[in-house]
Structures are given as C-alpha cells and as structure tokens.
Amino acid sequence: MKINGASLVTPGSIRVHELTSPASNASLGLRYNNSTAPLFSGPASKDGVLPMDSDAKSDLEIENSDKPETARLFTFLQVLTATFGSFAHGGNDVSNAIGPLIAVWMVYFEGNVRQEAETPLGILFFGGFGISVGLWIWGRRVMKTIGEDLTKITPSSGFSIELGAALTVLLASKVGIPISTTHCKVGSVVFVGYTRSRQGVDWKLFRNIIFAWMVTLPVAGGLSAALMAIFQAAAL
C-alpha cells in the first residue's frame, strides 16, 4: 500500500519506509537517516533546505561559547584591546578624515603647498571630536552589524579580533598607508568566526558588505569630481 509515494510497512516486511523520490522526502519533511541526523526533521523550508533541529543549534551555541573562567579573563583583556583599537583608529582613520582639511588650512596660512609646518593641535582635536560625535549618533548601527549580525562574538574571539585588527592598522599607519579600520575589523570578525565554527558566519551579510565597499569607491569619487566641476565652473 502506498500513500504519497511512500511504501508502508506490511506484515512480514523488514522495511520501515521507502521513499520513491527526493521530492517526496522534502514534501514529507523526511531525510535519509544516518548516525548524525534524525530521520524526522520537521517541515522543509521553501528553498528545500531542511532547518537545523534544536539539538544541533544547542550544540553549535555551546561550541561558540566561552567557559565562565575564560570569559571572565578575556572580558578584562578586551578592555585593553578596545583601548588599543581606539588608539589605532585615531592614528589612521582620523588622519584620513581631516587630511584634506589640514592641507587647505596649511595652504591658506603658509601661502604654498609644501606644508612643512606642524599640524595645528586644534585641528587634531576637532577631528577627534567629530569622530566621537559620529560614533555616538550613527556608530551603533555599524557596531550591531559587525558585532552581532555577522557572527557571534565572545570575549576570547573579541580579544583576537581587536588585537589583530589594531596591529594591522598600526603597522599601516607606521608605513604611511591609509587604510580603513572597519575593513580590518570585518576581516578579523569573519576569519575568527570561520575558525571557531564554519556555520557561524553570515556569508550573505558579508557578501553585501563587500558589495558596499566596491560601490562606495566610485560613488564617492563621482560625487567629489562633480562638486569640483561645479566649483570650477562657478568661482575658480
């Protein structure tokens, strides 16, 4: 006797069930049994991928969690690495932001483009104040994306992420290469999350971040070039 393409057990038969096609497996919410996955896994999703059962989710959460004593240790250490990361951020990203302003300031007061004088401290404080205000107003959205949505971060993984990113930024600052602290942090988050658990990284979100990086470069360049063209036509 068959129901929905499945052969039911009959007296004297040693088979429990037999499905005639993979499509019927998905429709019935069944999958082939093995030592790591139960036979019944609930209803299939729209894309045909069966959802992870509660036991597997619990195992993954336990795997991605720190032990209590480890969490206490790295919670304190992460305060130090966060301070280190802030120092690196100020040494590179703030310089990137206020570099054009310093150039205009020096040209105006020195009368030439050689810019041999020291950078005024007031402009440095202005840049630090501006980046702090921006962090307070809009920074929470970026922090949520990187710190919560991309992968699960624990004190130990957060320590590794912040230390690795800060060292990279400081090295680039020492050489004189302008880079983005955000790019370094995203790379650290993804690779640390992949090292801890290959299932723990939101690759779709990471793909969108990469796409945004690729789009913002020509968009920013185009807007800047358009503004310069307007200034040349109007006043220069």
Protein backbone atom coordinates (compact mmCIF):
# COMPACT_ATOMS: atom_id res chain seq x y z
CA MET A 1 0.00 0.00 0.00
CA LYS A 2 1.31 3.46 -0.93
CA ILE A 3 0.45 6.89 0.42
CA ASN A 4 2.03 9.99 -1.15
CA GLY A 5 4.59 7.85 -2.94
CA ALA A 6 5.78 6.06 0.22
CA SER A 7 5.62 2.29 0.67
CA LEU A 8 4.25 1.49 4.09
CA VAL A 9 5.35 -1.47 6.14
CA THR A 10 3.37 -4.67 5.66
CA PRO A 11 3.25 -7.78 7.82
CA GLY A 12 6.42 -9.77 7.43
CA SER A 13 8.29 -6.87 5.82
CA ILE A 14 11.57 -5.73 7.37
CA ARG A 15 11.43 -2.23 5.79
CA VAL A 16 10.09 0.64 7.84
CA HIS A 17 9.59 3.02 4.94
CA GLU A 18 10.78 3.62 1.42
CA LEU A 19 10.50 6.91 -0.44
CA THR A 20 10.36 6.89 -4.19
CA SER A 21 11.90 10.31 -4.92
CA PRO A 22 13.88 13.12 -3.20
CA ALA A 23 10.97 15.47 -3.88
CA SER A 24 8.72 13.35 -1.72
CA ASN A 25 11.34 13.49 1.04
CA ALA A 26 11.16 17.27 1.16
CA SER A 27 7.36 17.32 0.97
CA LEU A 28 7.02 14.88 3.86
CA GLY A 29 9.75 16.55 5.92
CA LEU A 30 11.88 13.38 5.85
CA ARG A 31 15.50 12.77 5.04
CA TYR A 32 17.67 9.70 4.80
CA ASN A 33 18.71 8.51 8.22
CA ASN A 34 22.32 8.39 9.34
CA SER A 35 24.32 8.48 12.53
CA THR A 36 24.35 12.27 12.78
CA ALA A 37 20.86 13.35 11.70
CA PRO A 38 17.43 12.12 12.76
CA LEU A 39 15.01 10.78 10.18
CA PHE A 40 12.23 13.22 11.04
CA SER A 41 13.45 16.82 10.93
CA GLY A 42 10.26 18.85 10.64
CA PRO A 43 8.89 20.66 7.60
CA ALA A 44 11.24 21.64 4.82
CA SER A 45 11.94 25.29 4.07
CA LYS A 46 10.96 26.99 0.82
CA ASP A 47 14.39 26.50 -0.75
CA GLY A 48 14.36 22.78 0.02
CA VAL A 49 16.94 23.03 2.81
CA LEU A 50 15.82 21.35 5.99
CA PRO A 51 16.13 23.57 9.08
CA MET A 52 18.61 22.80 11.82
CA ASP A 53 16.99 20.97 14.73
CA SER A 54 17.09 22.34 18.27
CA ASP A 55 19.75 19.88 19.44
CA ALA A 56 22.10 20.89 16.64
CA LYS A 57 21.53 24.57 17.40
CA SER A 58 22.27 23.96 21.07
CA ASP A 59 25.47 22.12 20.21
CA LEU A 60 26.55 24.99 17.95
CA GLU A 61 25.84 27.59 20.64
CA ILE A 62 27.82 25.59 23.20
CA GLU A 63 30.70 25.24 20.76
CA ASN A 64 30.75 29.00 20.15
CA SER A 65 30.60 29.95 23.83
CA ASP A 66 33.47 30.54 26.25
CA LYS A 67 33.83 28.79 29.56
CA PRO A 68 32.94 31.02 32.53
CA GLU A 69 36.54 31.37 33.71
CA THR A 70 37.71 32.08 30.16
CA ALA A 71 35.01 34.68 29.68
CA ARG A 72 35.99 36.49 32.90
CA LEU A 73 39.65 36.63 31.90
CA PHE A 74 39.09 37.86 28.35
CA THR A 75 36.40 40.34 29.42
CA PHE A 76 39.09 42.28 31.25
CA LEU A 77 41.66 41.81 28.50
CA GLN A 78 39.17 43.00 25.90
CA VAL A 79 39.00 46.39 27.63
CA LEU A 80 42.71 46.76 26.96
CA THR A 81 42.43 45.66 23.32
CA ALA A 82 39.46 48.01 22.80
CA THR A 83 41.62 50.90 24.04
CA PHE A 84 44.43 49.73 21.78
CA GLY A 85 41.99 49.58 18.86
CA SER A 86 40.76 53.10 19.57
CA PHE A 87 44.34 54.36 19.54
CA ALA A 88 44.95 52.68 16.19
CA HIS A 89 41.66 54.06 14.86
CA GLY A 90 42.69 57.59 15.79
CA GLY A 91 46.14 57.12 14.24
CA ASN A 92 44.76 56.18 10.83
CA ASP A 93 41.07 56.88 10.23
CA VAL A 94 41.01 60.31 11.90
CA SER A 95 44.05 61.27 9.85
CA ASN A 96 42.24 60.14 6.70
CA ALA A 97 39.22 62.27 7.59
CA ILE A 98 40.98 65.52 8.46
CA GLY A 99 43.88 65.22 5.98
CA PRO A 100 42.23 67.39 3.29
CA LEU A 101 41.21 69.97 5.92
CA ILE A 102 44.78 70.21 7.19
CA ALA A 103 46.03 70.65 3.63
CA VAL A 104 43.63 73.54 2.99
CA TRP A 105 44.49 75.12 6.34
CA MET A 106 48.24 74.96 5.74
CA VAL A 107 47.98 76.29 2.19
CA TYR A 108 45.87 79.21 3.40
CA PHE A 109 48.23 80.25 6.23
CA GLU A 110 51.58 79.27 4.69
CA GLY A 111 50.83 80.52 1.20
CA ASN A 112 52.33 77.47 -0.52
CA VAL A 113 51.71 73.76 -0.93
CA ARG A 114 54.91 72.49 0.66
CA GLN A 115 53.25 72.15 4.11
CA GLU A 116 56.43 71.97 6.16
CA ALA A 117 54.88 73.31 9.38
CA GLU A 118 53.45 71.12 12.12
CA THR A 119 49.76 70.26 12.11
CA PRO A 120 47.84 72.54 14.50
CA LEU A 121 46.60 70.70 17.59
CA GLY A 122 43.23 72.41 17.30
CA ILE A 123 42.51 70.61 14.03
CA LEU A 124 43.51 67.29 15.59
CA PHE A 125 41.12 67.86 18.49
CA PHE A 126 38.43 68.87 16.01
CA GLY A 127 38.90 65.57 14.16
CA GLY A 128 38.76 63.58 17.38
CA PHE A 129 35.61 65.40 18.46
CA GLY A 130 33.95 64.81 15.11
CA ILE A 131 34.66 61.08 15.06
CA SER A 132 33.36 60.76 18.64
CA VAL A 133 30.10 62.51 17.75
CA GLY A 134 29.67 60.34 14.68
CA LEU A 135 30.22 57.21 16.78
CA TRP A 136 27.61 58.39 19.28
CA ILE A 137 24.96 59.21 16.65
CA TRP A 138 25.37 56.58 13.90
CA GLY A 139 28.02 54.22 15.16
CA ARG A 140 25.58 51.87 16.92
CA ARG A 141 24.28 50.62 13.57
CA VAL A 142 27.71 49.63 12.34
CA MET A 143 28.56 48.10 15.72
CA LYS A 144 25.42 45.98 15.62
CA THR A 145 26.17 44.76 12.09
CA ILE A 146 29.78 43.82 12.81
CA GLY A 147 29.43 42.81 16.45
CA GLU A 148 26.14 40.90 16.40
CA ASP A 149 24.80 40.14 12.93
CA LEU A 150 27.96 38.97 11.14
CA THR A 151 28.87 36.26 13.65
CA LYS A 152 28.65 35.53 17.35
CA ILE A 153 31.48 37.19 19.27
CA THR A 154 32.64 36.00 22.68
CA PRO A 155 35.23 37.67 24.93
CA SER A 156 38.02 35.43 23.66
CA SER A 157 37.14 35.90 19.99
CA GLY A 158 36.62 39.63 20.54
CA PHE A 159 40.10 39.85 22.05
CA SER A 160 41.60 38.17 18.99
CA ILE A 161 39.60 40.35 16.61
CA GLU A 162 40.52 43.66 18.20
CA LEU A 163 44.18 42.81 18.72
CA GLY A 164 44.70 41.55 15.17
CA ALA A 165 42.88 44.50 13.58
CA ALA A 166 44.67 47.07 15.75
CA LEU A 167 48.11 45.65 14.94
CA THR A 168 47.29 45.74 11.24
CA VAL A 169 46.11 49.35 11.39
CA LEU A 170 49.13 50.48 13.42
CA LEU A 171 51.51 48.78 11.01
CA ALA A 172 49.85 50.52 8.09
CA SER A 173 49.96 53.86 9.93
CA LYS A 174 53.67 53.41 10.62
CA VAL A 175 54.34 52.76 6.94
CA GLY A 176 52.08 55.67 5.95
CA ILE A 177 49.40 53.68 4.15
CA PRO A 178 45.82 54.98 4.62
CA ILE A 179 43.55 52.03 5.31
CA SER A 180 40.16 51.54 6.94
CA THR A 181 39.82 50.24 10.47
CA THR A 182 36.35 49.00 9.57
CA HIS A 183 37.72 46.84 6.76
CA CYS A 184 40.28 45.33 9.12
CA LYS A 185 37.66 44.65 11.78
CA VAL A 186 35.28 43.00 9.31
CA GLY A 187 38.06 40.77 8.02
CA SER A 188 39.06 39.80 11.55
CA VAL A 189 35.46 39.06 12.55
CA VAL A 190 34.83 36.84 9.53
CA PHE A 191 38.03 34.82 9.80
CA VAL A 192 37.81 34.40 13.57
CA GLY A 193 34.17 33.34 13.24
CA TYR A 194 35.09 30.89 10.47
CA THR A 195 37.90 29.48 12.62
CA ARG A 196 35.56 28.92 15.56
CA SER A 197 32.70 27.46 13.51
CA ARG A 198 32.22 27.33 9.76
CA GLN A 199 28.46 27.57 10.27
CA GLY A 200 28.73 30.66 12.47
CA VAL A 201 29.32 33.33 9.78
CA ASP A 202 26.53 35.10 7.93
CA TRP A 203 28.08 34.87 4.46
CA LYS A 204 25.17 36.67 2.83
CA LEU A 205 25.74 39.71 5.03
CA PHE A 206 29.49 39.52 4.36
CA ARG A 207 28.80 39.48 0.62
CA ASN A 208 26.65 42.60 0.98
CA ILE A 209 29.43 44.35 2.90
CA ILE A 210 31.94 43.54 0.16
CA PHE A 211 29.50 44.83 -2.44
CA ALA A 212 29.06 48.06 -0.46
CA TRP A 213 32.84 48.54 -0.39
CA MET A 214 33.01 48.15 -4.15
CA VAL A 215 30.13 50.59 -4.74
CA THR A 216 31.18 53.36 -2.35
CA LEU A 217 34.56 53.94 -4.02
CA PRO A 218 33.21 55.06 -7.43
CA VAL A 219 30.21 56.80 -5.83
CA ALA A 220 32.41 58.90 -3.54
CA GLY A 221 34.81 59.63 -6.37
CA GLY A 222 31.99 60.65 -8.70
CA LEU A 223 30.37 62.98 -6.17
CA SER A 224 33.70 64.62 -5.33
CA ALA A 225 34.51 65.11 -9.01
CA ALA A 226 31.06 66.60 -9.64
CA LEU A 227 31.47 69.08 -6.78
CA MET A 228 34.90 70.09 -8.04
CA ALA A 229 33.50 70.63 -11.53
CA ILE A 230 30.76 72.87 -10.10
CA PHE A 231 33.29 74.92 -8.12
CA GLN A 232 35.50 75.36 -11.19
CA ALA A 233 32.57 76.50 -13.30
CA ALA A 234 31.20 78.87 -10.65
CA ALA A 235 34.14 80.51 -8.93
CA LEU A 236 37.55 79.20 -9.88
